[in-house]
Every structure is written in structure tokens, then in C-alpha cells.
Amino acid sequence: MHGEVVRAVKESKRSKRSRFLRDAMVDVQIAGRGIRSRRVLLAMRQVPREIFLDRRFAQAAYEDSAVPIQKGQTISQPYIVARMLEAAEIAKSDRVLEIGAGSGYLAALAAKLGRAICARERHEALVQRARSRLRHLGCRNVDLRQGDGTAGWPEGGEFDVILVSAAGAQTPAVLRAQLAPSGRLLIPSSWWRASTDDSSWIAGPQTQRLLRAISNPHTTIIGHMTGRQLQRRPSYEFDIEKVLRACAKHDVVVEINAHPWRLDLDWR
């Protein structure tokens, strides 16, 4: 495994074709679809995606799709990765937690943007491969550990950004507790609409959305949705299904667990 990673890194650095395909991916699939963050675009030009894949899938590295990796997992579509990173608004001083590190690709990109990246992955085989890749890419600000991501980071502490790679219907309370004030939590969710009425959303595969929750304990706003006021619900649980049933699809502010959070349901 070590030798394979070293060889892949060296080949990607020497390969003009790899750089050409990477630039084309960014220009067409990412910037071409509206991603504007210069830092995100630069990071995606710099990190070779093919080294995070098995050799038999390396030729698919810059295709506009997810690609399989070990343990039945995938490396996400490039645009989806870029959309999540742009929405996270990672600053140079930010501490970032990633849940579901997989191949290590997102962690490598986040390492270009933030100060310290803590990542968790439940599959030990994926952890070992990702660590090797990150080490040979010089990502010294990434701490990748094996474990259940729903338990958060074992040493605790607060994070400016939390990136959750796996879709789910509910965000564990421990992750909410580890999000710093004004911190951003990004999590993809799959939904389908049961009717034309926005109040009826059910978990399903037909629609993917990116949920961004912004912890903002200083705001006094309880909730608004395109000019329509939401009822005050101090005990509202952070459950995406309940949020979707109560709120509109864009730029929602709602009070959750007695703390105001801003929710952006914005998946293009």
C-alpha cells in the first residue's frame, strides 16, 4: 500500500495530463456551475484526485460523478465536494471536524483552507490508506483517526466547521455541542416530496439537499421564511424531517433546542 501511494503521488506531480484534467474539472464542472470561492477552486486545482482512488478507477478521477472506493464507500462527485467547501466558508484560522473521511480527499482539500483538520472514519482499512495519502501530500495539519463519527471528536473541544459526509435524517447532539458559536455544520440529506405542498417532505433518494446550520447564540431572531413568521418552538429538536416540514426551502432561521440556528436548505 505504501509503495502504491508513493508511486501515485510521484506520477501525479510529473503528469501534465493530470494537471490538464484537474484544471478542466475545475473550469467545467465546478466554476462552470457557479462555485466562486477562489480558495476552494485553487485547492481543487492543487490536490490530485486520482491518488485517492484504487489504480483500476484512476482514469475516472476527473469524471463528473462519484467513484467507488473500498468498503462499499465512494469518493463524492467533485462539484458536490466543492459546493460543501464553499458553503462551509473555511477561514485560514478555522478548526475543522470531518465525519466520514473515506478516501481522505475532502480532508486534503480542507487542509488547504483551514488551520487544523480533525477527521474520523469508521473503517480501519480506509483510515490506513488515507493517512498514507495525506502524509505523502504533506498535509501535516490533518489528524485522522478510526472511530464512530457520530460520537464526535474524542478530545472534545469546539470546531468552527463540521463537515458530515454521510447523509442522514438527524444530526447527533454531540456534533451540535462541538460546534463553536457562529460555527457552520454541513450535512447532505436525501429527500423526496410526497406532494406539491412544501410541508410534506419524506426521506428518500429522489432529492439531495445540503443542510447548513449556523450556530448563532447572539441573534434574537426566532424565525422567518420569505416574510412569513414561524411559531416560536423552544424545544424544537434538530431533526431535518421536522425542519423541512415546518420551514421553507431557502434561508430559514429557526430556534432549535432553545438556541437560534440559521438553516440554509440550498442544494443546486
C-alpha atoms as a PDB file:
ATOM      1  CA  MET A   1       0.000   0.000   0.000  1.00  0.00           C
ATOM      2  CA  HIS A   2       2.804   2.436   0.924  1.00  0.00           C
ATOM      3  CA  GLY A   3       4.642   1.873  -2.333  1.00  0.00           C
ATOM      4  CA  GLU A   4       1.450   2.278  -4.346  1.00  0.00           C
ATOM      5  CA  VAL A   5       0.691   5.625  -2.719  1.00  0.00           C
ATOM      6  CA  VAL A   6       4.237   6.932  -3.219  1.00  0.00           C
ATOM      7  CA  ARG A   7       4.144   5.929  -6.872  1.00  0.00           C
ATOM      8  CA  ALA A   8       0.744   7.548  -7.413  1.00  0.00           C
ATOM      9  CA  VAL A   9       1.857  10.823  -5.801  1.00  0.00           C
ATOM     10  CA  LYS A  10       5.047  10.969  -7.878  1.00  0.00           C
ATOM     11  CA  GLU A  11       3.172  10.196 -11.082  1.00  0.00           C
ATOM     12  CA  SER A  12       0.568  12.882 -10.430  1.00  0.00           C
ATOM     13  CA  LYS A  13       3.265  15.506  -9.792  1.00  0.00           C
ATOM     14  CA  ARG A  14       5.036  14.682 -13.072  1.00  0.00           C
ATOM     15  CA  SER A  15       1.927  14.218 -15.184  1.00  0.00           C
ATOM     16  CA  LYS A  16       0.915  17.153 -17.375  1.00  0.00           C
ATOM     17  CA  ARG A  17      -2.210  15.199 -18.268  1.00  0.00           C
ATOM     18  CA  SER A  18      -3.244  15.021 -14.621  1.00  0.00           C
ATOM     19  CA  ARG A  19      -2.893  18.787 -14.281  1.00  0.00           C
ATOM     20  CA  PHE A  20      -4.808  19.366 -17.512  1.00  0.00           C
ATOM     21  CA  LEU A  21      -7.688  17.120 -16.409  1.00  0.00           C
ATOM     22  CA  ARG A  22      -7.745  18.756 -12.971  1.00  0.00           C
ATOM     23  CA  ASP A  23      -7.968  22.242 -14.488  1.00  0.00           C
ATOM     24  CA  ALA A  24     -10.690  21.097 -16.878  1.00  0.00           C
ATOM     25  CA  MET A  25     -12.641  19.574 -13.982  1.00  0.00           C
ATOM     26  CA  VAL A  26     -12.499  22.863 -12.076  1.00  0.00           C
ATOM     27  CA  ASP A  27     -13.311  25.062 -15.082  1.00  0.00           C
ATOM     28  CA  VAL A  28     -16.205  22.998 -16.437  1.00  0.00           C
ATOM     29  CA  GLN A  29     -17.722  21.013 -13.561  1.00  0.00           C
ATOM     30  CA  ILE A  30     -17.154  23.413 -10.667  1.00  0.00           C
ATOM     31  CA  ALA A  31     -16.601  27.047 -11.688  1.00  0.00           C
ATOM     32  CA  GLY A  32     -18.871  26.413 -14.664  1.00  0.00           C
ATOM     33  CA  ARG A  33     -21.710  25.569 -12.265  1.00  0.00           C
ATOM     34  CA  GLY A  34     -21.368  28.666 -10.151  1.00  0.00           C
ATOM     35  CA  ILE A  35     -18.739  27.940  -7.487  1.00  0.00           C
ATOM     36  CA  ARG A  36     -16.971  31.266  -6.956  1.00  0.00           C
ATOM     37  CA  SER A  37     -14.689  30.825  -3.935  1.00  0.00           C
ATOM     38  CA  ARG A  38     -11.150  31.396  -5.222  1.00  0.00           C
ATOM     39  CA  ARG A  39      -9.650  29.458  -2.337  1.00  0.00           C
ATOM     40  CA  VAL A  40     -11.849  26.413  -2.987  1.00  0.00           C
ATOM     41  CA  LEU A  41     -11.133  26.492  -6.723  1.00  0.00           C
ATOM     42  CA  LEU A  42      -7.391  26.771  -6.088  1.00  0.00           C
ATOM     43  CA  ALA A  43      -7.405  23.888  -3.599  1.00  0.00           C
ATOM     44  CA  MET A  44      -9.204  21.654  -6.084  1.00  0.00           C
ATOM     45  CA  ARG A  45      -6.648  22.537  -8.762  1.00  0.00           C
ATOM     46  CA  GLN A  46      -3.817  21.615  -6.404  1.00  0.00           C
ATOM     47  CA  VAL A  47      -4.983  18.290  -4.923  1.00  0.00           C
ATOM     48  CA  PRO A  48      -4.687  15.334  -7.349  1.00  0.00           C
ATOM     49  CA  ARG A  49      -7.938  13.362  -7.069  1.00  0.00           C
ATOM     50  CA  GLU A  50      -6.574  10.206  -8.719  1.00  0.00           C
ATOM     51  CA  ILE A  51      -4.270   9.310  -5.823  1.00  0.00           C
ATOM     52  CA  PHE A  52      -7.342   8.845  -3.605  1.00  0.00           C
ATOM     53  CA  LEU A  53      -8.628   6.054  -5.838  1.00  0.00           C
ATOM     54  CA  ASP A  54      -7.549   2.492  -6.499  1.00  0.00           C
ATOM     55  CA  ARG A  55      -5.495   2.216  -9.683  1.00  0.00           C
ATOM     56  CA  ARG A  56      -8.298   0.487 -11.563  1.00  0.00           C
ATOM     57  CA  PHE A  57     -10.523   3.549 -11.045  1.00  0.00           C
ATOM     58  CA  ALA A  58      -7.830   6.215 -11.525  1.00  0.00           C
ATOM     59  CA  GLN A  59      -8.972   7.018 -15.065  1.00  0.00           C
ATOM     60  CA  ALA A  60     -12.370   8.020 -13.665  1.00  0.00           C
ATOM     61  CA  ALA A  61     -10.840  10.502 -11.203  1.00  0.00           C
ATOM     62  CA  TYR A  62     -11.988  13.635 -13.034  1.00  0.00           C
ATOM     63  CA  GLU A  63     -15.331  12.424 -14.308  1.00  0.00           C
ATOM     64  CA  ASP A  64     -18.450  14.257 -13.236  1.00  0.00           C
ATOM     65  CA  SER A  65     -19.588  11.538 -10.855  1.00  0.00           C
ATOM     66  CA  ALA A  66     -18.897   9.714  -7.616  1.00  0.00           C
ATOM     67  CA  VAL A  67     -16.336   6.890  -7.848  1.00  0.00           C
ATOM     68  CA  PRO A  68     -16.229   3.669  -5.759  1.00  0.00           C
ATOM     69  CA  ILE A  69     -13.566   3.101  -3.122  1.00  0.00           C
ATOM     70  CA  GLN A  70     -13.089   0.298  -0.609  1.00  0.00           C
ATOM     71  CA  LYS A  71     -15.683  -0.941   1.912  1.00  0.00           C
ATOM     72  CA  GLY A  72     -18.604  -0.061  -0.307  1.00  0.00           C
ATOM     73  CA  GLN A  73     -17.917   3.672   0.036  1.00  0.00           C
ATOM     74  CA  THR A  74     -17.486   6.312  -2.665  1.00  0.00           C
ATOM     75  CA  ILE A  75     -15.489   9.455  -3.267  1.00  0.00           C
ATOM     76  CA  SER A  76     -18.063  12.151  -3.911  1.00  0.00           C
ATOM     77  CA  GLN A  77     -18.706  13.943  -7.182  1.00  0.00           C
ATOM     78  CA  PRO A  78     -16.230  16.883  -7.494  1.00  0.00           C
ATOM     79  CA  TYR A  79     -18.968  19.503  -7.679  1.00  0.00           C
ATOM     80  CA  ILE A  80     -20.607  18.215  -4.501  1.00  0.00           C
ATOM     81  CA  VAL A  81     -17.278  18.431  -2.667  1.00  0.00           C
ATOM     82  CA  ALA A  82     -16.707  21.983  -3.904  1.00  0.00           C
ATOM     83  CA  ARG A  83     -20.254  23.036  -3.008  1.00  0.00           C
ATOM     84  CA  MET A  84     -19.830  21.783   0.535  1.00  0.00           C
ATOM     85  CA  LEU A  85     -16.461  23.516   0.956  1.00  0.00           C
ATOM     86  CA  GLU A  86     -17.753  26.813  -0.392  1.00  0.00           C
ATOM     87  CA  ALA A  87     -20.796  26.690   1.884  1.00  0.00           C
ATOM     88  CA  ALA A  88     -18.539  25.925   4.862  1.00  0.00           C
ATOM     89  CA  GLU A  89     -16.622  29.199   4.336  1.00  0.00           C
ATOM     90  CA  ILE A  90     -13.478  27.769   5.937  1.00  0.00           C
ATOM     91  CA  ALA A  91     -11.096  30.513   7.082  1.00  0.00           C
ATOM     92  CA  LYS A  92      -7.324  30.076   7.486  1.00  0.00           C
ATOM     93  CA  SER A  93      -7.711  30.148  11.264  1.00  0.00           C
ATOM     94  CA  ASP A  94     -10.579  27.647  11.425  1.00  0.00           C
ATOM     95  CA  ARG A  95     -10.565  24.292  13.176  1.00  0.00           C
ATOM     96  CA  VAL A  96     -12.484  21.739  11.113  1.00  0.00           C
ATOM     97  CA  LEU A  97     -14.028  18.378  12.005  1.00  0.00           C
ATOM     98  CA  GLU A  98     -14.852  15.913   9.225  1.00  0.00           C
ATOM     99  CA  ILE A  99     -17.115  12.938   9.875  1.00  0.00           C
ATOM    100  CA  GLY A 100     -16.751  10.079   7.392  1.00  0.00           C
ATOM    101  CA  ALA A 101     -13.302  10.780   5.927  1.00  0.00           C
ATOM    102  CA  GLY A 102     -13.416   7.890   3.456  1.00  0.00           C
ATOM    103  CA  SER A 103     -10.536   8.208   0.998  1.00  0.00           C
ATOM    104  CA  GLY A 104      -9.166  11.366   2.633  1.00  0.00           C
ATOM    105  CA  TYR A 105      -9.849  13.601  -0.388  1.00  0.00           C
ATOM    106  CA  LEU A 106     -12.077  16.100   1.421  1.00  0.00           C
ATOM    107  CA  ALA A 107      -9.616  16.267   4.329  1.00  0.00           C
ATOM    108  CA  ALA A 108      -6.774  17.035   1.905  1.00  0.00           C
ATOM    109  CA  LEU A 109      -8.784  19.884   0.399  1.00  0.00           C
ATOM    110  CA  ALA A 110      -9.833  21.221   3.794  1.00  0.00           C
ATOM    111  CA  ALA A 111      -6.157  21.139   4.847  1.00  0.00           C
ATOM    112  CA  LYS A 112      -5.500  23.771   2.159  1.00  0.00           C
ATOM    113  CA  LEU A 113      -8.186  26.008   3.646  1.00  0.00           C
ATOM    114  CA  GLY A 114      -8.170  25.680   7.449  1.00  0.00           C
ATOM    115  CA  ARG A 115      -5.712  25.693  10.349  1.00  0.00           C
ATOM    116  CA  ALA A 116      -6.351  22.218  11.761  1.00  0.00           C
ATOM    117  CA  ILE A 117      -8.398  19.332  10.372  1.00  0.00           C
ATOM    118  CA  CYS A 118      -9.654  16.538  12.631  1.00  0.00           C
ATOM    119  CA  ALA A 119     -11.211  13.636  10.744  1.00  0.00           C
ATOM    120  CA  ARG A 120     -12.911  10.372  11.725  1.00  0.00           C
ATOM    121  CA  GLU A 121     -13.574   7.259   9.661  1.00  0.00           C
ATOM    122  CA  ARG A 122     -15.051   4.025  10.981  1.00  0.00           C
ATOM    123  CA  HIS A 123     -13.272   1.643   8.565  1.00  0.00           C
ATOM    124  CA  GLU A 124      -9.679   0.967   9.638  1.00  0.00           C
ATOM    125  CA  ALA A 125      -8.640  -0.063   6.113  1.00  0.00           C
ATOM    126  CA  LEU A 126      -9.745   3.306   4.760  1.00  0.00           C
ATOM    127  CA  VAL A 127      -8.017   5.119   7.604  1.00  0.00           C
ATOM    128  CA  GLN A 128      -4.657   3.486   6.862  1.00  0.00           C
ATOM    129  CA  ARG A 129      -4.823   4.300   3.154  1.00  0.00           C
ATOM    130  CA  ALA A 130      -5.998   7.857   3.734  1.00  0.00           C
ATOM    131  CA  ARG A 131      -3.256   8.519   6.287  1.00  0.00           C
ATOM    132  CA  SER A 132      -0.610   7.381   3.822  1.00  0.00           C
ATOM    133  CA  ARG A 133      -2.002   9.595   1.063  1.00  0.00           C
ATOM    134  CA  LEU A 134      -2.260  12.638   3.308  1.00  0.00           C
ATOM    135  CA  ARG A 135       1.241  12.150   4.650  1.00  0.00           C
ATOM    136  CA  HIS A 136       2.790  11.957   1.182  1.00  0.00           C
ATOM    137  CA  LEU A 137       0.871  15.034   0.088  1.00  0.00           C
ATOM    138  CA  GLY A 138       2.356  16.940   3.021  1.00  0.00           C
ATOM    139  CA  CYS A 139      -0.956  17.504   4.847  1.00  0.00           C
ATOM    140  CA  ARG A 140       0.622  17.940   8.276  1.00  0.00           C
ATOM    141  CA  ASN A 141      -2.389  19.736   9.737  1.00  0.00           C
ATOM    142  CA  VAL A 142      -4.683  16.689   9.428  1.00  0.00           C
ATOM    143  CA  ASP A 143      -5.330  14.327  12.357  1.00  0.00           C
ATOM    144  CA  LEU A 144      -7.222  11.296  11.015  1.00  0.00           C
ATOM    145  CA  ARG A 145      -8.480   8.645  13.443  1.00  0.00           C
ATOM    146  CA  GLN A 146     -10.549   5.489  13.275  1.00  0.00           C
ATOM    147  CA  GLY A 147     -13.854   5.589  15.128  1.00  0.00           C
ATOM    148  CA  ASP A 148     -17.572   6.287  15.088  1.00  0.00           C
ATOM    149  CA  GLY A 149     -18.041   9.815  13.824  1.00  0.00           C
ATOM    150  CA  THR A 150     -21.437  10.183  15.464  1.00  0.00           C
ATOM    151  CA  ALA A 151     -19.569  10.282  18.780  1.00  0.00           C
ATOM    152  CA  GLY A 152     -17.761  13.441  17.693  1.00  0.00           C
ATOM    153  CA  TRP A 153     -14.098  14.135  18.399  1.00  0.00           C
ATOM    154  CA  PRO A 154     -12.830  12.132  21.400  1.00  0.00           C
ATOM    155  CA  GLU A 155     -10.935  15.045  22.992  1.00  0.00           C
ATOM    156  CA  GLY A 156     -13.944  17.282  22.616  1.00  0.00           C
ATOM    157  CA  GLY A 157     -13.408  20.976  22.043  1.00  0.00           C
ATOM    158  CA  GLU A 158     -15.189  23.285  19.656  1.00  0.00           C
ATOM    159  CA  PHE A 159     -14.929  23.401  15.878  1.00  0.00           C
ATOM    160  CA  ASP A 160     -15.559  26.323  13.566  1.00  0.00           C
ATOM    161  CA  VAL A 161     -16.730  23.944  10.834  1.00  0.00           C
ATOM    162  CA  ILE A 162     -18.129  20.400  10.933  1.00  0.00           C
ATOM    163  CA  LEU A 163     -18.409  18.513   7.638  1.00  0.00           C
ATOM    164  CA  VAL A 164     -20.550  15.383   7.659  1.00  0.00           C
ATOM    165  CA  SER A 165     -20.041  13.321   4.514  1.00  0.00           C
ATOM    166  CA  ALA A 166     -22.779  10.736   5.019  1.00  0.00           C
ATOM    167  CA  ALA A 167     -26.435  11.610   4.524  1.00  0.00           C
ATOM    168  CA  GLY A 168     -28.736  11.219   7.484  1.00  0.00           C
ATOM    169  CA  ALA A 169     -32.068  12.272   8.845  1.00  0.00           C
ATOM    170  CA  GLN A 170     -30.776  13.598  12.145  1.00  0.00           C
ATOM    171  CA  THR A 171     -27.588  15.238  13.388  1.00  0.00           C
ATOM    172  CA  PRO A 172     -26.182  13.712  16.618  1.00  0.00           C
ATOM    173  CA  ALA A 173     -26.385  16.026  19.622  1.00  0.00           C
ATOM    174  CA  VAL A 174     -22.667  15.591  20.319  1.00  0.00           C
ATOM    175  CA  LEU A 175     -21.815  17.231  16.982  1.00  0.00           C
ATOM    176  CA  ARG A 176     -24.066  20.177  17.729  1.00  0.00           C
ATOM    177  CA  ALA A 177     -22.367  20.514  21.106  1.00  0.00           C
ATOM    178  CA  GLN A 178     -18.920  20.627  19.462  1.00  0.00           C
ATOM    179  CA  LEU A 179     -19.856  23.432  17.061  1.00  0.00           C
ATOM    180  CA  ALA A 180     -18.427  26.792  18.105  1.00  0.00           C
ATOM    181  CA  PRO A 181     -20.575  29.944  18.225  1.00  0.00           C
ATOM    182  CA  SER A 182     -21.155  31.112  14.647  1.00  0.00           C
ATOM    183  CA  GLY A 183     -19.783  27.744  13.504  1.00  0.00           C
ATOM    184  CA  ARG A 184     -21.079  26.051  10.347  1.00  0.00           C
ATOM    185  CA  LEU A 185     -22.299  22.469  10.171  1.00  0.00           C
ATOM    186  CA  LEU A 186     -22.712  20.962   6.690  1.00  0.00           C
ATOM    187  CA  ILE A 187     -24.589  17.715   6.119  1.00  0.00           C
ATOM    188  CA  PRO A 188     -26.142  16.240   2.947  1.00  0.00           C
ATOM    189  CA  SER A 189     -29.631  14.794   3.117  1.00  0.00           C
ATOM    190  CA  SER A 190     -31.797  12.839   0.685  1.00  0.00           C
ATOM    191  CA  TRP A 191     -35.489  13.683   0.445  1.00  0.00           C
ATOM    192  CA  TRP A 192     -38.457  13.333  -1.847  1.00  0.00           C
ATOM    193  CA  ARG A 193     -41.591  15.421  -1.810  1.00  0.00           C
ATOM    194  CA  ALA A 194     -44.789  13.490  -1.129  1.00  0.00           C
ATOM    195  CA  SER A 195     -46.962  16.262  -2.581  1.00  0.00           C
ATOM    196  CA  THR A 196     -46.699  19.719  -4.116  1.00  0.00           C
ATOM    197  CA  ASP A 197     -47.177  21.170  -0.647  1.00  0.00           C
ATOM    198  CA  ASP A 198     -43.807  22.236   0.841  1.00  0.00           C
ATOM    199  CA  SER A 199     -44.934  20.962   4.244  1.00  0.00           C
ATOM    200  CA  SER A 200     -44.695  17.335   3.145  1.00  0.00           C
ATOM    201  CA  TRP A 201     -41.118  16.072   2.829  1.00  0.00           C
ATOM    202  CA  ILE A 202     -40.108  12.468   3.434  1.00  0.00           C
ATOM    203  CA  ALA A 203     -36.675  10.847   3.490  1.00  0.00           C
ATOM    204  CA  GLY A 204     -35.887   9.255   0.149  1.00  0.00           C
ATOM    205  CA  PRO A 205     -33.421   9.046  -2.738  1.00  0.00           C
ATOM    206  CA  GLN A 206     -35.023  11.367  -5.255  1.00  0.00           C
ATOM    207  CA  THR A 207     -33.782  14.738  -3.997  1.00  0.00           C
ATOM    208  CA  GLN A 208     -30.466  15.659  -2.427  1.00  0.00           C
ATOM    209  CA  ARG A 209     -30.036  18.796  -0.375  1.00  0.00           C
ATOM    210  CA  LEU A 210     -27.214  20.367   1.532  1.00  0.00           C
ATOM    211  CA  LEU A 211     -28.192  21.473   5.020  1.00  0.00           C
ATOM    212  CA  ARG A 212     -26.072  24.229   6.536  1.00  0.00           C
ATOM    213  CA  ALA A 213     -26.700  25.003  10.186  1.00  0.00           C
ATOM    214  CA  ILE A 214     -25.052  28.112  11.580  1.00  0.00           C
ATOM    215  CA  SER A 215     -24.770  28.343  15.359  1.00  0.00           C
ATOM    216  CA  ASN A 216     -25.574  31.922  16.316  1.00  0.00           C
ATOM    217  CA  PRO A 217     -26.452  32.216  20.016  1.00  0.00           C
ATOM    218  CA  HIS A 218     -26.344  36.029  19.949  1.00  0.00           C
ATOM    219  CA  THR A 219     -29.183  36.587  17.498  1.00  0.00           C
ATOM    220  CA  THR A 220     -32.676  37.393  18.743  1.00  0.00           C
ATOM    221  CA  ILE A 221     -34.394  36.213  15.543  1.00  0.00           C
ATOM    222  CA  ILE A 222     -36.739  33.312  16.191  1.00  0.00           C
ATOM    223  CA  GLY A 223     -37.576  32.535  12.600  1.00  0.00           C
ATOM    224  CA  HIS A 224     -38.585  33.878   9.250  1.00  0.00           C
ATOM    225  CA  MET A 225     -39.318  32.444   5.848  1.00  0.00           C
ATOM    226  CA  THR A 226     -39.776  34.758   2.875  1.00  0.00           C
ATOM    227  CA  GLY A 227     -41.592  37.233   5.094  1.00  0.00           C
ATOM    228  CA  ARG A 228     -43.736  34.654   6.901  1.00  0.00           C
ATOM    229  CA  GLN A 229     -43.148  34.276  10.614  1.00  0.00           C
ATOM    230  CA  LEU A 230     -42.626  30.846  12.153  1.00  0.00           C
ATOM    231  CA  GLN A 231     -44.073  29.927  15.524  1.00  0.00           C
ATOM    232  CA  ARG A 232     -41.726  30.039  18.474  1.00  0.00           C
ATOM    233  CA  ARG A 233     -40.793  26.450  19.411  1.00  0.00           C
ATOM    234  CA  PRO A 234     -38.122  26.481  22.156  1.00  0.00           C
ATOM    235  CA  SER A 235     -37.931  22.686  22.406  1.00  0.00           C
ATOM    236  CA  TYR A 236     -37.579  22.086  18.668  1.00  0.00           C
ATOM    237  CA  GLU A 237     -35.296  19.121  18.064  1.00  0.00           C
ATOM    238  CA  PHE A 238     -32.612  19.334  15.398  1.00  0.00           C
ATOM    239  CA  ASP A 239     -34.347  16.813  13.174  1.00  0.00           C
ATOM    240  CA  ILE A 240     -34.165  17.532   9.442  1.00  0.00           C
ATOM    241  CA  GLU A 241     -37.549  15.995   8.723  1.00  0.00           C
ATOM    242  CA  LYS A 242     -39.251  18.230  11.270  1.00  0.00           C
ATOM    243  CA  VAL A 243     -37.381  21.263   9.980  1.00  0.00           C
ATOM    244  CA  LEU A 244     -38.374  20.531   6.404  1.00  0.00           C
ATOM    245  CA  ARG A 245     -41.996  20.058   7.406  1.00  0.00           C
ATOM    246  CA  ALA A 246     -42.078  23.415   9.194  1.00  0.00           C
ATOM    247  CA  CYS A 247     -39.852  25.624   7.050  1.00  0.00           C
ATOM    248  CA  ALA A 248     -39.372  26.777   3.501  1.00  0.00           C
ATOM    249  CA  LYS A 249     -36.583  25.527   1.286  1.00  0.00           C
ATOM    250  CA  HIS A 250     -34.296  28.574   1.415  1.00  0.00           C
ATOM    251  CA  ASP A 251     -32.663  30.824   4.019  1.00  0.00           C
ATOM    252  CA  VAL A 252     -34.547  29.650   7.073  1.00  0.00           C
ATOM    253  CA  VAL A 253     -33.898  30.822  10.617  1.00  0.00           C
ATOM    254  CA  VAL A 254     -35.390  28.688  13.369  1.00  0.00           C
ATOM    255  CA  GLU A 255     -34.842  28.132  17.085  1.00  0.00           C
ATOM    256  CA  ILE A 256     -33.540  24.661  17.930  1.00  0.00           C
ATOM    257  CA  ASN A 257     -33.049  23.330  21.462  1.00  0.00           C
ATOM    258  CA  ALA A 258     -33.512  26.871  22.788  1.00  0.00           C
ATOM    259  CA  HIS A 259     -30.604  28.117  20.646  1.00  0.00           C
ATOM    260  CA  PRO A 260     -31.159  30.070  17.425  1.00  0.00           C
ATOM    261  CA  TRP A 261     -29.668  28.405  14.354  1.00  0.00           C
ATOM    262  CA  ARG A 262     -29.765  29.561  10.793  1.00  0.00           C
ATOM    263  CA  LEU A 263     -30.577  26.799   8.318  1.00  0.00           C
ATOM    264  CA  ASP A 264     -29.858  27.014   4.605  1.00  0.00           C
ATOM    265  CA  LEU A 265     -31.502  24.300   2.540  1.00  0.00           C
ATOM    266  CA  ASP A 266     -29.638  25.012  -0.658  1.00  0.00           C
ATOM    267  CA  TRP A 267     -28.676  22.171  -2.972  1.00  0.00           C
ATOM    268  CA  ARG A 268     -28.193  23.064  -6.644  1.00  0.00           C
END
